[in-house]
């Protein structure tokens, strides 16, 4: 594994990027408006992706296994360039896989990640369940409880999760729950809820402003009993972590104890930034093409500085955000510490660039951009969630401020 940062893509990286771009252009984009209107999970497209090896464990291993950390970001940018709703339907499962990878034992990783994806004949999806009605960015307010039953080595989960991608339709739910309320966020643990487990209920898909092809729902866990083996990391590791957390609570100088939700988000933030980049780049490219073709007062509108400068700003901001995303992805892959909140920088910049770029895209398109005749209207709706989910922009700024100041700011 190289610890040197190189912006030159390898031939393999370029080949994978071009392959995914072709799928996004030929399969995703032509279907984007239809699935946005239907507000349904695009199972035929998920199955098509599984057939060509773009959706599944092998694909994820290939993308994650890149020593530079860039391959997964390249793939996500291209998919979400195609369409963010369908892109999330394809990649929402990755967050569940990341939760298992970040917290599970090697045996659990091998057992459960394949079940998140299913197979080519019967593709499945996975769900990562952390947010709650009163605990979004504030994970310390989490109320879902996990109680250990020593007599039969089982856990009982009780609580409600909110705004869960693939919630209720997932084959595998990865659930964050409180096991020791006295420890706050350090008293959380991650669990796998296997397929068909009794007591898992969902009222159905939430109607959303954007990402409409991606299933989002609340999930209720009503005294759900799961085997002890479904505790990610195992009981021995959990007990040791809780003991360290209690010791640190009594002696704060002893050092930090990681929260399992945050471990997952640290892995995923550059990837979320790459998704926002795909949306922003699509908005820019649509706008550039439109500005060259649209004639007003006898000349293309790109000849006006008000339009050309806006496009120049869009391109500059997108490239700047991509550099932050690539840096954070490389740092995460090579084990470099996020000493200044670099992961949050990448997610913050890319998400806000996406919102600004799509807003400018509508402005450049004028009245046409406000209609569903052009895709920039959908891109604008899809972009907004990126400043909200997986840590709001305000939370990202707080993470960065804490990192650069060394203070527990609130």
Protein backbone atom coordinates (compact mmCIF):
# COMPACT_ATOMS: atom_id res chain seq x y z
CA UNK A 1 0.00 0.00 0.00
CA UNK A 2 1.53 3.29 -1.09
CA UNK A 3 1.53 6.27 1.25
CA UNK A 4 2.28 8.71 -1.60
CA UNK A 5 -0.60 10.67 -3.09
CA UNK A 6 -0.79 10.60 -6.89
CA UNK A 7 -3.46 12.36 -8.96
CA UNK A 8 -2.67 10.35 -12.08
CA UNK A 9 -5.20 7.56 -12.48
CA UNK A 10 -4.01 4.09 -13.38
CA UNK A 11 -5.18 2.34 -16.52
CA UNK A 12 -7.35 0.03 -14.38
CA UNK A 13 -8.98 2.98 -12.61
CA UNK A 14 -9.72 4.66 -15.91
CA UNK A 15 -11.16 1.45 -17.35
CA UNK A 16 -13.49 0.94 -14.37
CA UNK A 17 -14.54 4.59 -14.44
CA UNK A 18 -15.34 4.39 -18.16
CA UNK A 19 -17.24 1.11 -17.68
CA UNK A 20 -19.42 2.61 -14.95
CA UNK A 21 -19.87 5.80 -16.97
CA UNK A 22 -21.18 3.72 -19.87
CA UNK A 23 -23.71 2.00 -17.61
CA UNK A 24 -24.78 5.36 -16.20
CA UNK A 25 -25.17 6.87 -19.67
CA UNK A 26 -26.85 3.91 -21.37
CA UNK A 27 -28.97 2.39 -18.58
CA UNK A 28 -29.44 4.85 -15.73
CA UNK A 29 -29.97 8.20 -17.47
CA UNK A 30 -32.66 7.02 -19.92
CA UNK A 31 -34.65 5.60 -16.98
CA UNK A 32 -34.04 8.41 -14.47
CA UNK A 33 -37.14 10.53 -15.06
CA UNK A 34 -39.45 7.49 -15.06
CA UNK A 35 -38.25 6.13 -11.70
CA UNK A 36 -38.23 9.62 -10.19
CA UNK A 37 -41.91 9.96 -11.12
CA UNK A 38 -42.77 6.44 -9.97
CA UNK A 39 -40.98 6.91 -6.64
CA UNK A 40 -40.21 3.20 -6.52
CA UNK A 41 -37.08 1.13 -6.04
CA UNK A 42 -35.71 0.40 -9.57
CA UNK A 43 -35.29 -3.34 -9.10
CA UNK A 44 -34.80 -4.02 -12.86
CA UNK A 45 -31.82 -1.65 -12.92
CA UNK A 46 -30.38 -3.16 -9.73
CA UNK A 47 -30.67 -6.59 -11.34
CA UNK A 48 -29.04 -5.34 -14.55
CA UNK A 49 -26.17 -3.94 -12.49
CA UNK A 50 -25.87 -7.29 -10.69
CA UNK A 51 -25.76 -9.15 -14.01
CA UNK A 52 -22.78 -7.17 -15.29
CA UNK A 53 -20.95 -7.33 -11.95
CA UNK A 54 -21.53 -3.72 -10.92
CA UNK A 55 -23.72 -4.57 -7.91
CA UNK A 56 -22.59 -7.13 -5.34
CA UNK A 57 -19.83 -8.17 -3.00
CA UNK A 58 -17.26 -8.79 -5.75
CA UNK A 59 -17.78 -5.30 -7.15
CA UNK A 60 -17.51 -3.76 -3.71
CA UNK A 61 -14.30 -5.66 -2.97
CA UNK A 62 -12.85 -4.47 -6.27
CA UNK A 63 -13.79 -0.85 -5.63
CA UNK A 64 -12.73 -0.89 -1.96
CA UNK A 65 -9.57 -2.85 -2.64
CA UNK A 66 -7.89 -0.09 -4.61
CA UNK A 67 -4.76 0.92 -2.67
CA UNK A 68 -5.22 4.61 -3.50
CA UNK A 69 -8.77 4.77 -2.12
CA UNK A 70 -9.94 6.53 -5.28
CA UNK A 71 -11.76 3.76 -7.15
CA UNK A 72 -14.87 3.81 -4.98
CA UNK A 73 -15.09 7.58 -5.38
CA UNK A 74 -14.74 7.36 -9.16
CA UNK A 75 -17.52 4.79 -9.33
CA UNK A 76 -19.87 6.83 -7.17
CA UNK A 77 -19.27 10.05 -9.10
CA UNK A 78 -20.17 8.31 -12.37
CA UNK A 79 -23.27 6.54 -11.01
CA UNK A 80 -24.65 9.72 -9.46
CA UNK A 81 -23.77 11.64 -12.61
CA UNK A 82 -26.25 9.24 -14.20
CA UNK A 83 -28.96 9.81 -11.58
CA UNK A 84 -28.80 10.26 -7.83
CA UNK A 85 -32.03 8.44 -6.99
CA UNK A 86 -31.05 5.32 -8.93
CA UNK A 87 -27.47 5.73 -7.77
CA UNK A 88 -28.61 5.62 -4.15
CA UNK A 89 -30.82 2.60 -4.88
CA UNK A 90 -27.64 0.89 -6.09
CA UNK A 91 -25.24 2.19 -3.45
CA UNK A 92 -27.44 2.56 -0.36
CA UNK A 93 -26.54 -1.01 0.53
CA UNK A 94 -22.89 0.00 0.75
CA UNK A 95 -23.54 1.91 3.98
CA UNK A 96 -24.84 -1.29 5.60
CA UNK A 97 -21.79 -3.11 4.27
CA UNK A 98 -19.56 -0.35 5.64
CA UNK A 99 -21.21 -0.73 9.05
CA UNK A 100 -20.44 -4.44 9.04
CA UNK A 101 -16.91 -3.90 7.74
CA UNK A 102 -16.11 -1.16 10.27
CA UNK A 103 -17.47 -3.01 13.30
CA UNK A 104 -17.60 -6.73 12.54
CA UNK A 105 -15.19 -9.63 12.90
CA UNK A 106 -13.71 -11.20 9.73
CA UNK A 107 -16.20 -14.07 10.10
CA UNK A 108 -19.14 -11.67 10.35
CA UNK A 109 -17.94 -9.70 7.34
CA UNK A 110 -17.81 -12.86 5.24
CA UNK A 111 -21.20 -14.04 6.49
CA UNK A 112 -23.29 -10.88 6.31
CA UNK A 113 -22.03 -8.57 3.57
CA UNK A 114 -22.95 -11.03 0.76
CA UNK A 115 -26.45 -11.30 2.21
CA UNK A 116 -26.83 -7.53 1.94
CA UNK A 117 -26.53 -7.82 -1.85
CA UNK A 118 -28.14 -11.15 -2.67
CA UNK A 119 -27.20 -12.58 -6.06
CA UNK A 120 -27.76 -11.97 -9.77
CA UNK A 121 -31.00 -13.96 -9.83
CA UNK A 122 -32.42 -12.37 -6.68
CA UNK A 123 -30.67 -9.10 -5.81
CA UNK A 124 -31.22 -7.77 -2.30
CA UNK A 125 -30.51 -4.52 -0.47
CA UNK A 126 -29.12 -3.71 2.97
CA UNK A 127 -29.98 -0.92 5.42
CA UNK A 128 -27.88 0.94 7.99
CA UNK A 129 -30.14 2.05 10.85
CA UNK A 130 -28.73 4.84 13.00
CA UNK A 131 -30.95 7.96 12.80
CA UNK A 132 -34.03 8.27 15.00
CA UNK A 133 -36.85 10.83 15.27
CA UNK A 134 -34.98 12.63 18.07
CA UNK A 135 -31.46 11.47 17.17
CA UNK A 136 -30.18 12.48 13.75
CA UNK A 137 -26.93 14.40 13.93
CA UNK A 138 -27.18 14.12 17.73
CA UNK A 139 -26.41 10.41 18.10
CA UNK A 140 -26.16 10.91 21.85
CA UNK A 141 -29.97 11.17 21.92
CA UNK A 142 -30.40 7.62 20.56
CA UNK A 143 -33.16 5.69 22.35
CA UNK A 144 -33.15 2.29 20.65
CA UNK A 145 -32.05 -0.21 23.29
CA UNK A 146 -30.33 -3.58 23.13
CA UNK A 147 -30.65 -5.84 26.17
CA UNK A 148 -28.46 -8.90 26.58
CA UNK A 149 -30.10 -12.14 27.64
CA UNK A 150 -27.33 -14.16 29.22
CA UNK A 151 -29.45 -17.30 29.73
CA UNK A 152 -29.70 -18.03 26.01
CA UNK A 153 -27.03 -15.69 24.59
CA UNK A 154 -29.47 -13.46 22.69
CA UNK A 155 -30.07 -9.72 22.35
CA UNK A 156 -33.45 -7.97 22.35
CA UNK A 157 -33.73 -4.76 20.28
CA UNK A 158 -36.48 -2.21 20.96
CA UNK A 159 -36.92 1.18 19.32
CA UNK A 160 -37.62 3.21 16.20
CA UNK A 161 -35.23 4.23 13.41
CA UNK A 162 -36.05 7.10 11.06
CA UNK A 163 -35.08 8.11 7.51
CA UNK A 164 -33.45 4.76 6.79
CA UNK A 165 -32.29 4.05 3.25
CA UNK A 166 -33.79 0.67 2.26
CA UNK A 167 -35.49 0.49 5.66
CA UNK A 168 -38.08 -2.27 5.81
CA UNK A 169 -37.24 -3.71 2.38
CA UNK A 170 -33.68 -4.70 3.28
CA UNK A 171 -32.59 -8.29 3.49
CA UNK A 172 -30.16 -7.30 6.26
CA UNK A 173 -30.59 -4.39 8.68
CA UNK A 174 -27.51 -3.11 10.54
CA UNK A 175 -28.84 -1.46 13.69
CA UNK A 176 -27.16 0.90 16.12
CA UNK A 177 -28.49 0.60 19.67
CA UNK A 178 -27.71 1.71 23.22
CA UNK A 179 -26.29 -1.04 25.42
CA UNK A 180 -25.03 1.16 28.28
CA UNK A 181 -27.00 4.43 28.72
CA UNK A 182 -24.54 5.74 31.33
CA UNK A 183 -21.82 6.06 28.67
CA UNK A 184 -23.67 8.27 26.17
CA UNK A 185 -22.41 7.73 22.61
CA UNK A 186 -19.67 5.40 23.87
CA UNK A 187 -22.35 3.02 25.11
CA UNK A 188 -23.63 2.17 21.63
CA UNK A 189 -23.15 -1.08 19.72
CA UNK A 190 -23.86 -2.34 16.20
CA UNK A 191 -26.04 -5.36 15.45
CA UNK A 192 -27.07 -7.34 12.39
CA UNK A 193 -30.76 -8.20 12.14
CA UNK A 194 -30.98 -11.27 9.86
CA UNK A 195 -33.53 -11.73 7.06
CA UNK A 196 -37.03 -12.64 8.18
CA UNK A 197 -36.51 -11.75 11.84
CA UNK A 198 -39.83 -11.35 13.68
CA UNK A 199 -40.76 -7.95 15.08
CA UNK A 200 -39.23 -5.76 12.34
CA UNK A 201 -41.94 -3.48 10.95
CA UNK A 202 -42.03 -0.52 8.56
CA UNK A 203 -45.02 1.67 7.61
CA UNK A 204 -43.77 2.09 4.03
CA UNK A 205 -41.77 4.45 1.86
CA UNK A 206 -41.56 8.14 2.75
CA UNK A 207 -42.49 10.59 -0.03
CA UNK A 208 -39.42 12.75 -0.52
CA UNK A 209 -38.33 16.00 -2.20
CA UNK A 210 -35.49 14.23 -4.02
CA UNK A 211 -33.75 10.85 -4.45
CA UNK A 212 -37.22 9.51 -5.17
CA UNK A 213 -36.04 6.23 -6.69
CA UNK A 214 -34.30 5.41 -3.42
CA UNK A 215 -36.44 3.80 -0.71
CA UNK A 216 -36.44 5.70 2.60
CA UNK A 217 -38.57 4.60 5.55
CA UNK A 218 -38.95 4.43 9.30
CA UNK A 219 -38.30 1.02 10.86
CA UNK A 220 -39.69 -0.23 14.18
CA UNK A 221 -38.01 -2.93 16.24
CA UNK A 222 -40.59 -4.38 18.62
CA UNK A 223 -38.70 -6.63 21.06
CA UNK A 224 -36.71 -8.13 18.21
CA UNK A 225 -34.69 -11.11 19.43
CA UNK A 226 -31.44 -11.91 17.62
CA UNK A 227 -28.64 -14.41 18.38
CA UNK A 228 -25.60 -13.25 20.33
CA UNK A 229 -23.53 -13.84 17.19
CA UNK A 230 -25.32 -10.87 15.59
CA UNK A 231 -23.50 -8.38 17.81
CA UNK A 232 -20.89 -6.94 15.45
CA UNK A 233 -17.43 -7.40 16.87
CA UNK A 234 -18.57 -9.90 19.49
CA UNK A 235 -19.39 -9.71 23.19
CA UNK A 236 -15.79 -9.89 24.40
CA UNK A 237 -14.77 -6.91 22.30
CA UNK A 238 -17.87 -4.95 23.38
CA UNK A 239 -17.23 -5.62 27.07
CA UNK A 240 -13.62 -4.47 26.70
CA UNK A 241 -14.70 -1.29 24.89
CA UNK A 242 -17.33 -0.49 27.52
CA UNK A 243 -14.79 -1.06 30.28
CA UNK A 244 -12.39 1.39 28.60
CA UNK A 245 -15.21 3.90 28.23
CA UNK A 246 -16.09 3.66 31.92
CA UNK A 247 -12.43 4.06 32.79
CA UNK A 248 -12.13 7.11 30.57
CA UNK A 249 -15.29 8.57 32.08
CA UNK A 250 -13.65 8.34 35.49
CA UNK A 251 -10.24 9.39 34.11
CA UNK A 252 -10.71 11.55 30.97
CA UNK A 253 -6.97 11.63 30.29
CA UNK A 254 -7.02 7.91 29.43
CA UNK A 255 -7.90 8.57 25.76
CA UNK A 256 -10.84 8.28 23.41
CA UNK A 257 -13.18 5.37 22.73
CA UNK A 258 -14.73 5.15 19.26
CA UNK A 259 -18.46 5.24 18.62
CA UNK A 260 -19.57 2.55 16.10
CA UNK A 261 -21.88 4.94 14.19
CA UNK A 262 -19.05 7.42 13.77
CA UNK A 263 -16.71 4.65 12.59
CA UNK A 264 -19.15 3.94 9.77
CA UNK A 265 -19.60 7.60 8.84
CA UNK A 266 -15.82 8.14 8.79
CA UNK A 267 -15.54 5.40 6.18
CA UNK A 268 -18.42 6.78 4.10
CA UNK A 269 -17.92 10.57 4.09
CA UNK A 270 -15.58 10.78 1.07
CA UNK A 271 -17.95 8.48 -0.83
CA UNK A 272 -20.94 10.68 0.00
CA UNK A 273 -18.90 13.63 -1.23
CA UNK A 274 -18.22 11.78 -4.49
CA UNK A 275 -21.95 11.24 -4.96
CA UNK A 276 -22.59 14.97 -4.55
CA UNK A 277 -19.82 15.60 -7.07
CA UNK A 278 -21.62 13.44 -9.64
CA UNK A 279 -24.77 15.53 -9.25
CA UNK A 280 -22.83 18.80 -9.51
CA UNK A 281 -20.91 17.65 -12.57
CA UNK A 282 -24.10 16.58 -14.33
CA UNK A 283 -25.64 19.99 -13.63
CA UNK A 284 -22.54 21.73 -14.98
CA UNK A 285 -22.40 19.63 -18.16
CA UNK A 286 -26.11 20.11 -18.90
CA UNK A 287 -25.70 23.84 -18.35
CA UNK A 288 -22.62 24.13 -20.54
CA UNK A 289 -24.35 22.34 -23.40
CA UNK A 290 -27.51 24.42 -23.01
CA UNK A 291 -25.57 27.69 -22.86
CA UNK A 292 -23.79 26.86 -26.13
CA UNK A 293 -27.04 25.96 -27.91
CA UNK A 294 -29.44 28.55 -26.51
CA UNK A 295 -29.48 31.70 -28.65
CA UNK A 296 -30.76 35.03 -27.35
CA UNK A 297 -30.32 38.41 -28.98
CA UNK A 298 -28.55 36.80 -31.90
CA UNK A 299 -25.83 34.88 -30.05
CA UNK A 300 -25.43 31.88 -27.72
CA UNK A 301 -26.02 32.86 -24.11
CA UNK A 302 -22.56 31.56 -23.15
CA UNK A 303 -21.18 34.63 -24.92
CA UNK A 304 -22.55 36.71 -22.05
CA UNK A 305 -20.20 37.07 -19.08
CA UNK A 306 -23.03 36.52 -16.63
CA UNK A 307 -23.39 32.98 -18.02
CA UNK A 308 -19.77 32.18 -18.86
CA UNK A 309 -18.51 33.32 -15.46
CA UNK A 310 -21.17 31.26 -13.71
CA UNK A 311 -20.01 28.19 -15.64
CA UNK A 312 -16.38 28.99 -14.84
CA UNK A 313 -17.24 29.16 -11.15
CA UNK A 314 -19.14 25.87 -11.32
CA UNK A 315 -16.24 24.06 -12.97
CA UNK A 316 -13.69 25.52 -10.54
CA UNK A 317 -15.75 24.61 -7.46
CA UNK A 318 -16.41 21.07 -8.71
CA UNK A 319 -12.71 20.44 -9.34
CA UNK A 320 -11.79 21.89 -5.93
CA UNK A 321 -14.34 19.65 -4.21
CA UNK A 322 -13.06 16.61 -6.10
CA UNK A 323 -9.53 17.25 -4.84
CA UNK A 324 -10.81 17.32 -1.25
CA UNK A 325 -12.77 14.11 -1.80
CA UNK A 326 -9.79 12.33 -3.33
CA UNK A 327 -7.48 13.51 -0.56
CA UNK A 328 -9.85 12.28 2.15
CA UNK A 329 -10.36 8.95 0.38
CA UNK A 330 -6.61 8.45 0.07
CA UNK A 331 -6.07 9.41 3.73
CA UNK A 332 -8.74 6.98 4.89
CA UNK A 333 -7.40 4.14 2.73
CA UNK A 334 -3.77 4.64 3.80
CA UNK A 335 -4.56 5.12 7.49
CA UNK A 336 -3.71 8.80 7.67
CA UNK A 337 -5.45 10.53 10.61
CA UNK A 338 -8.05 13.18 9.84
CA UNK A 339 -6.16 15.68 11.99
CA UNK A 340 -8.07 18.67 10.62
CA UNK A 341 -11.38 16.95 9.88
CA UNK A 342 -10.42 16.24 6.27
CA UNK A 343 -13.25 13.74 5.81
CA UNK A 344 -15.77 16.32 6.94
CA UNK A 345 -14.11 18.96 4.73
CA UNK A 346 -14.66 16.76 1.69
CA UNK A 347 -18.31 16.02 2.49
CA UNK A 348 -19.04 19.65 3.42
CA UNK A 349 -17.48 21.16 0.30
CA UNK A 350 -18.88 18.66 -2.18
CA UNK A 351 -22.43 18.80 -0.80
CA UNK A 352 -22.58 22.59 -0.79
CA UNK A 353 -21.03 22.76 -4.26
CA UNK A 354 -23.76 20.41 -5.50
CA UNK A 355 -26.51 22.64 -4.12
CA UNK A 356 -24.96 25.80 -5.61
CA UNK A 357 -24.20 24.16 -8.95
CA UNK A 358 -27.72 22.84 -9.43
CA UNK A 359 -29.21 26.20 -8.43
CA UNK A 360 -27.01 27.94 -11.00
CA UNK A 361 -27.98 25.32 -13.56
CA UNK A 362 -31.65 26.18 -13.18
CA UNK A 363 -30.83 29.89 -13.46
CA UNK A 364 -28.86 29.31 -16.67
CA UNK A 365 -31.72 27.30 -18.14
CA UNK A 366 -34.22 30.00 -17.17
CA UNK A 367 -37.87 29.01 -17.17
CA UNK A 368 -37.02 25.75 -18.93
CA UNK A 369 -34.85 24.76 -15.97
CA UNK A 370 -37.78 25.11 -13.61
CA UNK A 371 -39.78 22.57 -15.62
CA UNK A 372 -39.34 18.81 -15.69
CA UNK A 373 -38.54 18.98 -19.38
CA UNK A 374 -34.88 19.37 -18.42
CA UNK A 375 -33.06 17.22 -15.84
CA UNK A 376 -31.60 20.14 -13.87
CA UNK A 377 -34.87 20.48 -11.94
CA UNK A 378 -34.47 16.91 -10.70
CA UNK A 379 -30.76 17.43 -10.00
CA UNK A 380 -31.60 20.41 -7.79
CA UNK A 381 -34.08 18.35 -5.77
CA UNK A 382 -31.61 15.50 -5.45
CA UNK A 383 -28.71 17.71 -4.31
CA UNK A 384 -30.28 19.24 -1.22
CA UNK A 385 -30.20 16.13 0.94
CA UNK A 386 -26.40 16.10 0.76
CA UNK A 387 -26.19 19.09 3.11
CA UNK A 388 -28.45 17.20 5.53
CA UNK A 389 -27.86 13.45 5.73
CA UNK A 390 -24.79 11.64 7.09
CA UNK A 391 -24.05 14.76 9.12
CA UNK A 392 -25.47 18.19 8.25
CA UNK A 393 -23.22 20.94 6.96
CA UNK A 394 -23.36 22.45 10.43
CA UNK A 395 -22.17 19.20 12.00
CA UNK A 396 -19.32 18.94 9.48
CA UNK A 397 -18.21 22.46 10.42
CA UNK A 398 -18.36 21.48 14.08
CA UNK A 399 -16.19 18.40 13.43
CA UNK A 400 -13.65 20.52 11.55
CA UNK A 401 -13.68 23.24 14.22
CA UNK A 402 -13.10 20.67 16.97
CA UNK A 403 -10.24 19.12 15.00
CA UNK A 404 -8.41 22.37 14.31
CA UNK A 405 -8.98 23.85 17.80
CA UNK A 406 -8.51 20.72 19.89
CA UNK A 407 -11.53 21.83 21.93
CA UNK A 408 -14.86 20.10 22.64
CA UNK A 409 -16.93 22.81 20.95
CA UNK A 410 -20.72 22.58 20.85
